[in-house]
């Protein structure tokens, strides 16, 4: 029997010890090479875009543009802008985030990095924000799956038996459902399972919003696998629908199943119950997208995932939601719908 990929040496190519032993200059060089990979590590002024050989202020690890005299660093204009910690701390944070396959709590990150909880919370959310893909309009095709997982609907029972009520009938204003849309790998692909995932936070698994998601993100005529929920009934007119009744079976006799979406649901539950424990609705979409990213990269080695996350962090602009978070700059509304 062949060894599972995650147990093989190919899955672990990132050395945390090597990151910990980096000098300030080595960490700086890593940031520089990733930030300006298109120019082979040569700095580009974020103010005027000049490619001249800029002045290097060695004592401050900063550059000064020869054209506009703007002073900038390897983190200027990124989510790490105005950082107060050494660059090694941010590299270690990404390593810990990469290796935590079921996510990592801010409390654990603060202990591992020996930083305040507030620092760890904002840092982890900045990394999650860099994983958000806002510009991907490419529609899914081939064989896709859809399913929903409900969160924040638990009602604690009363202590005394005579005061308990039927919790199924209690109004739950914080109840949300995460709809996962996944595209399966085709037969010619080297990957197994799903290759692309998108997530959407709704207040309920209803036919109107599910229909909007499908029409916007799945090509007409594609094959969709779902469960027996009536929220997916309206998709029959435009898609080849395959339904599985989970009260009877996990997979139908003709191969109809939504096991890839169920895999997403399981990983999200392990993050919710095993790591973060409490996830607020305000940033639920960020957590949902993080698990989608982890599912899509589950067959990549940890060095490749680390490089990809670091590249995304250094190509993302200054965070509008987490820069100055503890000073009052917070998201005012949750992200719902398609």
C-alpha atoms as a PDB file:
ATOM      1  CA  UNK A   1       0.000   0.000   0.000  1.00  0.00           C
ATOM      2  CA  UNK A   2       1.401   3.390  -1.025  1.00  0.00           C
ATOM      3  CA  UNK A   3       2.308   5.849   1.693  1.00  0.00           C
ATOM      4  CA  UNK A   4      -0.060   8.799   2.126  1.00  0.00           C
ATOM      5  CA  UNK A   5       1.338  12.082   0.837  1.00  0.00           C
ATOM      6  CA  UNK A   6       1.041  13.851   4.199  1.00  0.00           C
ATOM      7  CA  UNK A   7       3.168  11.136   5.825  1.00  0.00           C
ATOM      8  CA  UNK A   8       5.931  11.353   3.246  1.00  0.00           C
ATOM      9  CA  UNK A   9       9.085  13.457   3.409  1.00  0.00           C
ATOM     10  CA  UNK A  10       7.896  15.409   0.346  1.00  0.00           C
ATOM     11  CA  UNK A  11       5.114  16.962   2.435  1.00  0.00           C
ATOM     12  CA  UNK A  12       7.519  18.598   4.894  1.00  0.00           C
ATOM     13  CA  UNK A  13      10.163  20.718   3.204  1.00  0.00           C
ATOM     14  CA  UNK A  14       9.997  23.721   5.523  1.00  0.00           C
ATOM     15  CA  UNK A  15      12.405  23.944   8.431  1.00  0.00           C
ATOM     16  CA  UNK A  16      11.122  26.034  11.313  1.00  0.00           C
ATOM     17  CA  UNK A  17      14.553  25.804  12.941  1.00  0.00           C
ATOM     18  CA  UNK A  18      16.090  27.453   9.886  1.00  0.00           C
ATOM     19  CA  UNK A  19      13.640  30.361  10.153  1.00  0.00           C
ATOM     20  CA  UNK A  20      14.342  30.751  13.871  1.00  0.00           C
ATOM     21  CA  UNK A  21      18.102  30.905  13.282  1.00  0.00           C
ATOM     22  CA  UNK A  22      17.872  33.573  10.590  1.00  0.00           C
ATOM     23  CA  UNK A  23      19.746  36.809  11.129  1.00  0.00           C
ATOM     24  CA  UNK A  24      18.072  40.176  10.607  1.00  0.00           C
ATOM     25  CA  UNK A  25      19.724  40.526   7.201  1.00  0.00           C
ATOM     26  CA  UNK A  26      18.691  37.029   6.078  1.00  0.00           C
ATOM     27  CA  UNK A  27      15.065  37.701   7.013  1.00  0.00           C
ATOM     28  CA  UNK A  28      15.277  41.042   5.236  1.00  0.00           C
ATOM     29  CA  UNK A  29      16.642  39.378   2.099  1.00  0.00           C
ATOM     30  CA  UNK A  30      13.810  36.805   2.124  1.00  0.00           C
ATOM     31  CA  UNK A  31      11.199  39.549   2.351  1.00  0.00           C
ATOM     32  CA  UNK A  32      12.951  41.511  -0.377  1.00  0.00           C
ATOM     33  CA  UNK A  33      13.178  38.590  -2.806  1.00  0.00           C
ATOM     34  CA  UNK A  34       9.510  37.700  -2.326  1.00  0.00           C
ATOM     35  CA  UNK A  35       8.218  41.296  -2.351  1.00  0.00           C
ATOM     36  CA  UNK A  36      10.035  42.213  -5.563  1.00  0.00           C
ATOM     37  CA  UNK A  37      10.243  38.799  -7.213  1.00  0.00           C
ATOM     38  CA  UNK A  38       9.409  40.299 -10.632  1.00  0.00           C
ATOM     39  CA  UNK A  39      12.604  42.387 -10.525  1.00  0.00           C
ATOM     40  CA  UNK A  40      14.797  39.639  -9.018  1.00  0.00           C
ATOM     41  CA  UNK A  41      14.774  41.280  -5.598  1.00  0.00           C
ATOM     42  CA  UNK A  42      15.628  44.782  -6.810  1.00  0.00           C
ATOM     43  CA  UNK A  43      13.484  47.291  -4.842  1.00  0.00           C
ATOM     44  CA  UNK A  44      10.762  49.265  -6.577  1.00  0.00           C
ATOM     45  CA  UNK A  45       9.637  52.558  -5.081  1.00  0.00           C
ATOM     46  CA  UNK A  46       5.972  52.153  -4.007  1.00  0.00           C
ATOM     47  CA  UNK A  47       5.451  55.897  -4.399  1.00  0.00           C
ATOM     48  CA  UNK A  48       6.666  56.645  -7.927  1.00  0.00           C
ATOM     49  CA  UNK A  49       7.499  53.155  -9.251  1.00  0.00           C
ATOM     50  CA  UNK A  50      11.142  53.993  -9.941  1.00  0.00           C
ATOM     51  CA  UNK A  51      13.526  51.091 -10.645  1.00  0.00           C
ATOM     52  CA  UNK A  52      16.708  53.054 -10.032  1.00  0.00           C
ATOM     53  CA  UNK A  53      19.294  51.669  -7.620  1.00  0.00           C
ATOM     54  CA  UNK A  54      17.954  53.342  -4.505  1.00  0.00           C
ATOM     55  CA  UNK A  55      19.919  54.473  -1.472  1.00  0.00           C
ATOM     56  CA  UNK A  56      20.022  51.790   1.234  1.00  0.00           C
ATOM     57  CA  UNK A  57      19.854  53.001   4.839  1.00  0.00           C
ATOM     58  CA  UNK A  58      21.662  50.091   6.455  1.00  0.00           C
ATOM     59  CA  UNK A  59      21.017  51.036  10.086  1.00  0.00           C
ATOM     60  CA  UNK A  60      17.253  51.209   9.480  1.00  0.00           C
ATOM     61  CA  UNK A  61      16.909  48.474   6.806  1.00  0.00           C
ATOM     62  CA  UNK A  62      15.114  50.985   4.577  1.00  0.00           C
ATOM     63  CA  UNK A  63      15.488  52.435   1.089  1.00  0.00           C
ATOM     64  CA  UNK A  64      15.311  56.017  -0.128  1.00  0.00           C
ATOM     65  CA  UNK A  65      14.152  56.572  -3.670  1.00  0.00           C
ATOM     66  CA  UNK A  66      16.604  58.391  -5.961  1.00  0.00           C
ATOM     67  CA  UNK A  67      13.750  59.924  -7.939  1.00  0.00           C
ATOM     68  CA  UNK A  68      11.217  61.182  -5.368  1.00  0.00           C
ATOM     69  CA  UNK A  69      13.271  60.718  -2.172  1.00  0.00           C
ATOM     70  CA  UNK A  70      10.462  58.671  -0.598  1.00  0.00           C
ATOM     71  CA  UNK A  71      11.686  56.399   2.224  1.00  0.00           C
ATOM     72  CA  UNK A  72      10.272  52.877   2.148  1.00  0.00           C
ATOM     73  CA  UNK A  73      10.964  49.376   3.432  1.00  0.00           C
ATOM     74  CA  UNK A  74      10.250  45.808   2.314  1.00  0.00           C
ATOM     75  CA  UNK A  75       6.882  45.950   4.087  1.00  0.00           C
ATOM     76  CA  UNK A  76       5.727  49.413   2.960  1.00  0.00           C
ATOM     77  CA  UNK A  77       2.279  49.267   1.371  1.00  0.00           C
ATOM     78  CA  UNK A  78       1.617  45.684   2.524  1.00  0.00           C
ATOM     79  CA  UNK A  79      -0.379  44.223   5.404  1.00  0.00           C
ATOM     80  CA  UNK A  80       2.852  44.291   7.461  1.00  0.00           C
ATOM     81  CA  UNK A  81       3.290  48.038   6.965  1.00  0.00           C
ATOM     82  CA  UNK A  82       4.370  49.994  10.071  1.00  0.00           C
ATOM     83  CA  UNK A  83       5.392  46.745  11.765  1.00  0.00           C
ATOM     84  CA  UNK A  84       6.914  46.970  15.236  1.00  0.00           C
ATOM     85  CA  UNK A  85       8.281  43.434  15.584  1.00  0.00           C
ATOM     86  CA  UNK A  86      11.382  41.937  13.937  1.00  0.00           C
ATOM     87  CA  UNK A  87      10.803  40.390  10.518  1.00  0.00           C
ATOM     88  CA  UNK A  88      11.585  36.940  11.921  1.00  0.00           C
ATOM     89  CA  UNK A  89       8.426  37.150  14.063  1.00  0.00           C
ATOM     90  CA  UNK A  90       6.265  37.536  10.959  1.00  0.00           C
ATOM     91  CA  UNK A  91       8.027  34.675   9.192  1.00  0.00           C
ATOM     92  CA  UNK A  92       7.496  32.458  12.234  1.00  0.00           C
ATOM     93  CA  UNK A  93       3.836  33.478  12.380  1.00  0.00           C
ATOM     94  CA  UNK A  94       3.362  32.361   8.769  1.00  0.00           C
ATOM     95  CA  UNK A  95       5.191  29.093   9.496  1.00  0.00           C
ATOM     96  CA  UNK A  96       2.910  28.372  12.458  1.00  0.00           C
ATOM     97  CA  UNK A  97      -0.124  29.346  10.403  1.00  0.00           C
ATOM     98  CA  UNK A  98       1.014  27.066   7.569  1.00  0.00           C
ATOM     99  CA  UNK A  99       1.641  23.989   9.703  1.00  0.00           C
ATOM    100  CA  UNK A 100      -1.645  24.344  11.650  1.00  0.00           C
ATOM    101  CA  UNK A 101      -3.807  22.384   9.216  1.00  0.00           C
ATOM    102  CA  UNK A 102      -6.931  23.009  11.331  1.00  0.00           C
ATOM    103  CA  UNK A 103      -6.094  26.705  11.827  1.00  0.00           C
ATOM    104  CA  UNK A 104      -4.496  28.247  14.899  1.00  0.00           C
ATOM    105  CA  UNK A 105      -6.024  30.311  17.671  1.00  0.00           C
ATOM    106  CA  UNK A 106      -4.737  33.776  18.522  1.00  0.00           C
ATOM    107  CA  UNK A 107      -4.067  32.621  22.079  1.00  0.00           C
ATOM    108  CA  UNK A 108      -1.783  29.828  20.927  1.00  0.00           C
ATOM    109  CA  UNK A 109      -0.049  32.136  18.459  1.00  0.00           C
ATOM    110  CA  UNK A 110       0.574  34.690  21.221  1.00  0.00           C
ATOM    111  CA  UNK A 111       2.180  32.008  23.391  1.00  0.00           C
ATOM    112  CA  UNK A 112       4.330  30.592  20.592  1.00  0.00           C
ATOM    113  CA  UNK A 113       5.589  34.018  19.503  1.00  0.00           C
ATOM    114  CA  UNK A 114       5.678  35.544  23.005  1.00  0.00           C
ATOM    115  CA  UNK A 115       3.593  38.529  21.952  1.00  0.00           C
ATOM    116  CA  UNK A 116       0.432  40.060  23.362  1.00  0.00           C
ATOM    117  CA  UNK A 117      -2.900  38.442  22.518  1.00  0.00           C
ATOM    118  CA  UNK A 118      -3.987  41.616  20.725  1.00  0.00           C
ATOM    119  CA  UNK A 119      -0.917  41.471  18.501  1.00  0.00           C
ATOM    120  CA  UNK A 120      -1.463  37.792  17.688  1.00  0.00           C
ATOM    121  CA  UNK A 121      -5.179  38.292  16.967  1.00  0.00           C
ATOM    122  CA  UNK A 122      -4.598  41.107  14.473  1.00  0.00           C
ATOM    123  CA  UNK A 123      -1.636  39.314  12.891  1.00  0.00           C
ATOM    124  CA  UNK A 124      -3.595  36.092  12.316  1.00  0.00           C
ATOM    125  CA  UNK A 125      -6.489  38.030  10.800  1.00  0.00           C
ATOM    126  CA  UNK A 126      -4.167  39.967   8.517  1.00  0.00           C
ATOM    127  CA  UNK A 127      -2.848  36.659   7.208  1.00  0.00           C
ATOM    128  CA  UNK A 128      -6.413  35.400   6.713  1.00  0.00           C
ATOM    129  CA  UNK A 129      -7.303  38.604   4.890  1.00  0.00           C
ATOM    130  CA  UNK A 130      -4.418  38.109   2.453  1.00  0.00           C
ATOM    131  CA  UNK A 131      -5.933  34.751   1.446  1.00  0.00           C
ATOM    132  CA  UNK A 132      -9.174  36.384   0.270  1.00  0.00           C
ATOM    133  CA  UNK A 133      -9.504  36.327  -3.521  1.00  0.00           C
ATOM    134  CA  UNK A 134     -11.689  39.282  -4.494  1.00  0.00           C
ATOM    135  CA  UNK A 135     -10.967  39.274  -8.229  1.00  0.00           C
ATOM    136  CA  UNK A 136     -11.630  35.678  -9.236  1.00  0.00           C
ATOM    137  CA  UNK A 137     -14.594  35.805 -11.654  1.00  0.00           C
ATOM    138  CA  UNK A 138     -13.767  32.518 -13.383  1.00  0.00           C
ATOM    139  CA  UNK A 139     -16.790  30.229 -13.238  1.00  0.00           C
ATOM    140  CA  UNK A 140     -16.580  26.644 -12.032  1.00  0.00           C
ATOM    141  CA  UNK A 141     -17.249  23.910 -14.565  1.00  0.00           C
ATOM    142  CA  UNK A 142     -17.225  20.152 -14.900  1.00  0.00           C
ATOM    143  CA  UNK A 143     -18.382  18.397 -11.750  1.00  0.00           C
ATOM    144  CA  UNK A 144     -19.128  20.611  -8.749  1.00  0.00           C
ATOM    145  CA  UNK A 145     -20.488  20.073  -5.260  1.00  0.00           C
ATOM    146  CA  UNK A 146     -22.490  22.266  -2.897  1.00  0.00           C
ATOM    147  CA  UNK A 147     -23.368  21.886   0.758  1.00  0.00           C
ATOM    148  CA  UNK A 148     -23.937  23.972   3.862  1.00  0.00           C
ATOM    149  CA  UNK A 149     -22.668  23.827   7.441  1.00  0.00           C
ATOM    150  CA  UNK A 150     -24.496  25.719  10.202  1.00  0.00           C
ATOM    151  CA  UNK A 151     -22.637  27.666  12.872  1.00  0.00           C
ATOM    152  CA  UNK A 152     -23.474  29.773  15.937  1.00  0.00           C
ATOM    153  CA  UNK A 153     -26.825  28.088  16.499  1.00  0.00           C
ATOM    154  CA  UNK A 154     -26.155  26.367  19.818  1.00  0.00           C
ATOM    155  CA  UNK A 155     -28.535  27.247  22.654  1.00  0.00           C
ATOM    156  CA  UNK A 156     -27.357  26.299  26.126  1.00  0.00           C
ATOM    157  CA  UNK A 157     -30.040  24.333  28.011  1.00  0.00           C
ATOM    158  CA  UNK A 158     -31.324  25.591  31.337  1.00  0.00           C
ATOM    159  CA  UNK A 159     -30.042  23.957  34.497  1.00  0.00           C
ATOM    160  CA  UNK A 160     -33.462  22.916  35.832  1.00  0.00           C
ATOM    161  CA  UNK A 161     -35.506  20.461  33.809  1.00  0.00           C
ATOM    162  CA  UNK A 162     -38.808  22.320  34.169  1.00  0.00           C
ATOM    163  CA  UNK A 163     -37.259  25.471  32.649  1.00  0.00           C
ATOM    164  CA  UNK A 164     -35.916  23.770  29.538  1.00  0.00           C
ATOM    165  CA  UNK A 165     -37.577  24.354  26.175  1.00  0.00           C
ATOM    166  CA  UNK A 166     -37.481  22.740  22.761  1.00  0.00           C
ATOM    167  CA  UNK A 167     -34.306  24.344  21.418  1.00  0.00           C
ATOM    168  CA  UNK A 168     -35.329  23.598  17.830  1.00  0.00           C
ATOM    169  CA  UNK A 169     -38.085  26.214  18.153  1.00  0.00           C
ATOM    170  CA  UNK A 170     -35.969  28.906  19.827  1.00  0.00           C
ATOM    171  CA  UNK A 171     -35.170  31.943  17.683  1.00  0.00           C
ATOM    172  CA  UNK A 172     -31.439  32.034  16.918  1.00  0.00           C
ATOM    173  CA  UNK A 173     -30.505  35.487  15.561  1.00  0.00           C
ATOM    174  CA  UNK A 174     -26.800  34.605  15.259  1.00  0.00           C
ATOM    175  CA  UNK A 175     -27.389  31.421  13.276  1.00  0.00           C
ATOM    176  CA  UNK A 176     -25.481  31.348   9.974  1.00  0.00           C
ATOM    177  CA  UNK A 177     -24.778  28.775   7.283  1.00  0.00           C
ATOM    178  CA  UNK A 178     -21.572  28.515   5.247  1.00  0.00           C
ATOM    179  CA  UNK A 179     -22.243  27.311   1.704  1.00  0.00           C
ATOM    180  CA  UNK A 180     -19.182  25.642   0.198  1.00  0.00           C
ATOM    181  CA  UNK A 181     -18.903  25.388  -3.578  1.00  0.00           C
ATOM    182  CA  UNK A 182     -16.215  22.983  -4.761  1.00  0.00           C
ATOM    183  CA  UNK A 183     -15.021  21.907  -8.197  1.00  0.00           C
ATOM    184  CA  UNK A 184     -13.775  18.356  -8.518  1.00  0.00           C
ATOM    185  CA  UNK A 185     -10.543  17.499 -10.269  1.00  0.00           C
ATOM    186  CA  UNK A 186     -11.067  15.944 -13.684  1.00  0.00           C
ATOM    187  CA  UNK A 187      -9.709  12.570 -14.724  1.00  0.00           C
ATOM    188  CA  UNK A 188      -6.631  14.082 -16.393  1.00  0.00           C
ATOM    189  CA  UNK A 189      -5.627  16.109 -13.337  1.00  0.00           C
ATOM    190  CA  UNK A 190      -2.768  15.018 -11.099  1.00  0.00           C
ATOM    191  CA  UNK A 191      -4.785  16.104  -8.073  1.00  0.00           C
ATOM    192  CA  UNK A 192      -7.346  14.045  -6.200  1.00  0.00           C
ATOM    193  CA  UNK A 193     -10.667  15.364  -4.906  1.00  0.00           C
ATOM    194  CA  UNK A 194     -11.515  19.055  -5.245  1.00  0.00           C
ATOM    195  CA  UNK A 195      -9.240  21.669  -6.785  1.00  0.00           C
ATOM    196  CA  UNK A 196     -11.125  24.944  -6.258  1.00  0.00           C
ATOM    197  CA  UNK A 197     -13.347  26.127  -3.435  1.00  0.00           C
ATOM    198  CA  UNK A 198     -15.485  29.192  -2.795  1.00  0.00           C
ATOM    199  CA  UNK A 199     -17.474  29.929   0.335  1.00  0.00           C
ATOM    200  CA  UNK A 200     -20.512  32.089   1.062  1.00  0.00           C
ATOM    201  CA  UNK A 201     -22.082  33.038   4.391  1.00  0.00           C
ATOM    202  CA  UNK A 202     -25.895  33.105   4.479  1.00  0.00           C
ATOM    203  CA  UNK A 203     -28.514  33.430   7.181  1.00  0.00           C
ATOM    204  CA  UNK A 204     -30.211  30.258   5.964  1.00  0.00           C
ATOM    205  CA  UNK A 205     -29.831  27.586   3.289  1.00  0.00           C
ATOM    206  CA  UNK A 206     -32.566  28.990   1.048  1.00  0.00           C
ATOM    207  CA  UNK A 207     -33.319  28.419  -2.623  1.00  0.00           C
ATOM    208  CA  UNK A 208     -33.136  32.093  -3.679  1.00  0.00           C
ATOM    209  CA  UNK A 209     -29.582  32.779  -2.512  1.00  0.00           C
ATOM    210  CA  UNK A 210     -28.352  29.288  -3.447  1.00  0.00           C
ATOM    211  CA  UNK A 211     -29.691  29.897  -6.965  1.00  0.00           C
ATOM    212  CA  UNK A 212     -27.875  33.254  -7.148  1.00  0.00           C
ATOM    213  CA  UNK A 213     -24.613  31.636  -6.064  1.00  0.00           C
ATOM    214  CA  UNK A 214     -24.912  28.839  -8.620  1.00  0.00           C
ATOM    215  CA  UNK A 215     -25.851  31.096 -11.546  1.00  0.00           C
ATOM    216  CA  UNK A 216     -23.028  33.522 -10.755  1.00  0.00           C
ATOM    217  CA  UNK A 217     -20.229  31.028 -10.093  1.00  0.00           C
ATOM    218  CA  UNK A 218     -21.048  27.805 -12.045  1.00  0.00           C
ATOM    219  CA  UNK A 219     -21.244  27.476 -15.809  1.00  0.00           C
ATOM    220  CA  UNK A 220     -24.618  26.439 -17.152  1.00  0.00           C
ATOM    221  CA  UNK A 221     -24.780  22.737 -18.024  1.00  0.00           C
ATOM    222  CA  UNK A 222     -22.240  21.666 -15.406  1.00  0.00           C
ATOM    223  CA  UNK A 223     -22.892  18.730 -13.126  1.00  0.00           C
ATOM    224  CA  UNK A 224     -23.751  19.571  -9.500  1.00  0.00           C
ATOM    225  CA  UNK A 225     -23.816  17.078  -6.633  1.00  0.00           C
ATOM    226  CA  UNK A 226     -25.846  18.032  -3.548  1.00  0.00           C
ATOM    227  CA  UNK A 227     -27.883  16.450  -0.790  1.00  0.00           C
ATOM    228  CA  UNK A 228     -31.693  16.280  -0.628  1.00  0.00           C
ATOM    229  CA  UNK A 229     -32.170  19.809   0.778  1.00  0.00           C
ATOM    230  CA  UNK A 230     -34.984  21.634  -1.055  1.00  0.00           C
ATOM    231  CA  UNK A 231     -32.716  24.695  -1.336  1.00  0.00           C
ATOM    232  CA  UNK A 232     -31.163  23.074  -4.436  1.00  0.00           C
ATOM    233  CA  UNK A 233     -34.403  22.147  -6.220  1.00  0.00           C
ATOM    234  CA  UNK A 234     -34.379  25.198  -8.528  1.00  0.00           C
ATOM    235  CA  UNK A 235     -30.999  24.294 -10.031  1.00  0.00           C
ATOM    236  CA  UNK A 236     -32.435  21.398 -12.044  1.00  0.00           C
ATOM    237  CA  UNK A 237     -33.390  23.636 -14.984  1.00  0.00           C
ATOM    238  CA  UNK A 238     -29.819  24.775 -15.752  1.00  0.00           C
ATOM    239  CA  UNK A 239     -27.592  22.025 -14.373  1.00  0.00           C
ATOM    240  CA  UNK A 240     -27.223  18.255 -14.363  1.00  0.00           C
ATOM    241  CA  UNK A 241     -28.291  17.602 -10.778  1.00  0.00           C
ATOM    242  CA  UNK A 242     -27.162  14.549  -8.790  1.00  0.00           C
ATOM    243  CA  UNK A 243     -28.738  14.171  -5.339  1.00  0.00           C
ATOM    244  CA  UNK A 244     -27.777  11.874  -2.482  1.00  0.00           C
ATOM    245  CA  UNK A 245     -30.042  11.084   0.465  1.00  0.00           C
ATOM    246  CA  UNK A 246     -27.789  11.087   3.533  1.00  0.00           C
ATOM    247  CA  UNK A 247     -30.454   9.390   5.625  1.00  0.00           C
ATOM    248  CA  UNK A 248     -29.893   6.302   3.503  1.00  0.00           C
ATOM    249  CA  UNK A 249     -26.357   6.495   2.118  1.00  0.00           C
ATOM    250  CA  UNK A 250     -23.226   8.644   1.795  1.00  0.00           C
ATOM    251  CA  UNK A 251     -22.812   7.898  -1.907  1.00  0.00           C
ATOM    252  CA  UNK A 252     -25.429   6.789  -4.431  1.00  0.00           C
ATOM    253  CA  UNK A 253     -25.216   3.771  -6.678  1.00  0.00           C
ATOM    254  CA  UNK A 254     -24.315   6.004  -9.633  1.00  0.00           C
ATOM    255  CA  UNK A 255     -21.597   7.855  -7.745  1.00  0.00           C
ATOM    256  CA  UNK A 256     -23.699  10.846  -6.685  1.00  0.00           C
ATOM    257  CA  UNK A 257     -22.195  12.370  -3.522  1.00  0.00           C
ATOM    258  CA  UNK A 258     -20.989  15.648  -2.061  1.00  0.00           C
ATOM    259  CA  UNK A 259     -18.075  14.186  -0.108  1.00  0.00           C
ATOM    260  CA  UNK A 260     -15.699  17.029  -1.015  1.00  0.00           C
ATOM    261  CA  UNK A 261     -18.071  19.594   0.485  1.00  0.00           C
ATOM    262  CA  UNK A 262     -18.504  17.327   3.494  1.00  0.00           C
ATOM    263  CA  UNK A 263     -14.709  17.254   3.803  1.00  0.00           C
ATOM    264  CA  UNK A 264     -14.752  21.055   3.936  1.00  0.00           C
ATOM    265  CA  UNK A 265     -17.468  20.940   6.612  1.00  0.00           C
ATOM    266  CA  UNK A 266     -15.450  18.493   8.699  1.00  0.00           C
ATOM    267  CA  UNK A 267     -12.297  20.618   8.594  1.00  0.00           C
ATOM    268  CA  UNK A 268     -14.290  23.715   9.522  1.00  0.00           C
ATOM    269  CA  UNK A 269     -15.798  21.888  12.486  1.00  0.00           C
ATOM    270  CA  UNK A 270     -12.354  20.789  13.658  1.00  0.00           C
ATOM    271  CA  UNK A 271     -11.219  24.419  13.535  1.00  0.00           C
ATOM    272  CA  UNK A 272     -14.338  25.603  15.356  1.00  0.00           C
ATOM    273  CA  UNK A 273     -14.367  22.977  18.125  1.00  0.00           C
ATOM    274  CA  UNK A 274     -10.669  22.194  18.415  1.00  0.00           C
ATOM    275  CA  UNK A 275      -8.922  25.528  17.885  1.00  0.00           C
ATOM    276  CA  UNK A 276     -10.929  28.735  17.865  1.00  0.00           C
ATOM    277  CA  UNK A 277     -13.950  27.512  19.902  1.00  0.00           C
ATOM    278  CA  UNK A 278     -15.911  30.747  19.297  1.00  0.00           C
ATOM    279  CA  UNK A 279     -16.198  32.439  15.916  1.00  0.00           C
ATOM    280  CA  UNK A 280     -18.145  35.683  15.634  1.00  0.00           C
ATOM    281  CA  UNK A 281     -20.357  36.388  12.628  1.00  0.00           C
ATOM    282  CA  UNK A 282     -18.518  39.622  11.858  1.00  0.00           C
ATOM    283  CA  UNK A 283     -15.415  37.817  10.573  1.00  0.00           C
ATOM    284  CA  UNK A 284     -16.980  34.436   9.795  1.00  0.00           C
ATOM    285  CA  UNK A 285     -16.317  34.878   6.068  1.00  0.00           C
ATOM    286  CA  UNK A 286     -12.559  35.180   6.739  1.00  0.00           C
ATOM    287  CA  UNK A 287     -12.508  31.934   8.709  1.00  0.00           C
ATOM    288  CA  UNK A 288     -14.611  30.191   6.067  1.00  0.00           C
ATOM    289  CA  UNK A 289     -12.231  31.285   3.305  1.00  0.00           C
ATOM    290  CA  UNK A 290      -9.215  30.163   5.334  1.00  0.00           C
ATOM    291  CA  UNK A 291     -10.544  26.600   5.496  1.00  0.00           C
ATOM    292  CA  UNK A 292     -11.279  26.742   1.759  1.00  0.00           C
ATOM    293  CA  UNK A 293      -7.623  27.691   1.173  1.00  0.00           C
ATOM    294  CA  UNK A 294      -6.411  24.866   3.405  1.00  0.00           C
ATOM    295  CA  UNK A 295      -8.592  22.367   1.551  1.00  0.00           C
ATOM    296  CA  UNK A 296      -7.314  23.539  -1.841  1.00  0.00           C
ATOM    297  CA  UNK A 297      -3.644  23.328  -0.766  1.00  0.00           C
ATOM    298  CA  UNK A 298      -3.852  20.065   1.177  1.00  0.00           C
ATOM    299  CA  UNK A 299      -1.724  18.265  -1.450  1.00  0.00           C
ATOM    300  CA  UNK A 300       1.039  20.889  -1.434  1.00  0.00           C
ATOM    301  CA  UNK A 301       4.122  20.589   0.759  1.00  0.00           C
ATOM    302  CA  UNK A 302       4.434  23.054   3.620  1.00  0.00           C
ATOM    303  CA  UNK A 303       7.285  24.977   1.978  1.00  0.00           C
ATOM    304  CA  UNK A 304       5.134  25.692  -1.081  1.00  0.00           C
ATOM    305  CA  UNK A 305       2.233  26.791   1.124  1.00  0.00           C
ATOM    306  CA  UNK A 306       4.556  29.024   3.180  1.00  0.00           C
ATOM    307  CA  UNK A 307       5.939  30.672   0.032  1.00  0.00           C
ATOM    308  CA  UNK A 308       2.427  31.194  -1.333  1.00  0.00           C
ATOM    309  CA  UNK A 309       1.096  32.774   1.876  1.00  0.00           C
ATOM    310  CA  UNK A 310       4.154  35.020   2.245  1.00  0.00           C
ATOM    311  CA  UNK A 311       3.771  36.116  -1.364  1.00  0.00           C
ATOM    312  CA  UNK A 312       0.080  36.883  -0.822  1.00  0.00           C
ATOM    313  CA  UNK A 313       0.877  38.864   2.335  1.00  0.00           C
ATOM    314  CA  UNK A 314       3.474  40.988   0.562  1.00  0.00           C
ATOM    315  CA  UNK A 315       1.257  41.581  -2.471  1.00  0.00           C
ATOM    316  CA  UNK A 316      -1.771  42.611  -0.377  1.00  0.00           C
ATOM    317  CA  UNK A 317      -2.310  46.277   0.349  1.00  0.00           C
ATOM    318  CA  UNK A 318      -2.464  47.832   3.801  1.00  0.00           C
ATOM    319  CA  UNK A 319      -5.420  46.319   5.652  1.00  0.00           C
ATOM    320  CA  UNK A 320      -8.372  48.690   5.929  1.00  0.00           C
ATOM    321  CA  UNK A 321     -10.019  46.543   8.594  1.00  0.00           C
ATOM    322  CA  UNK A 322      -7.178  45.471  10.863  1.00  0.00           C
ATOM    323  CA  UNK A 323      -4.766  48.401  10.645  1.00  0.00           C
ATOM    324  CA  UNK A 324      -5.657  50.310  13.810  1.00  0.00           C
ATOM    325  CA  UNK A 325      -8.169  47.683  14.906  1.00  0.00           C
ATOM    326  CA  UNK A 326      -7.589  48.140  18.633  1.00  0.00           C
ATOM    327  CA  UNK A 327      -7.869  51.899  18.177  1.00  0.00           C
ATOM    328  CA  UNK A 328     -11.443  51.537  16.889  1.00  0.00           C
ATOM    329  CA  UNK A 329     -11.067  50.811  13.156  1.00  0.00           C
ATOM    330  CA  UNK A 330     -13.332  47.754  12.958  1.00  0.00           C
ATOM    331  CA  UNK A 331     -15.599  46.141  10.395  1.00  0.00           C
ATOM    332  CA  UNK A 332     -19.118  47.495  10.832  1.00  0.00           C
ATOM    333  CA  UNK A 333     -21.115  44.763   9.059  1.00  0.00           C
ATOM    334  CA  UNK A 334     -20.719  41.073   8.289  1.00  0.00           C
ATOM    335  CA  UNK A 335     -20.278  39.816   4.739  1.00  0.00           C
ATOM    336  CA  UNK A 336     -23.336  37.909   3.572  1.00  0.00           C
ATOM    337  CA  UNK A 337     -24.520  36.468   0.266  1.00  0.00           C
ATOM    338  CA  UNK A 338     -22.914  35.824  -3.080  1.00  0.00           C
END
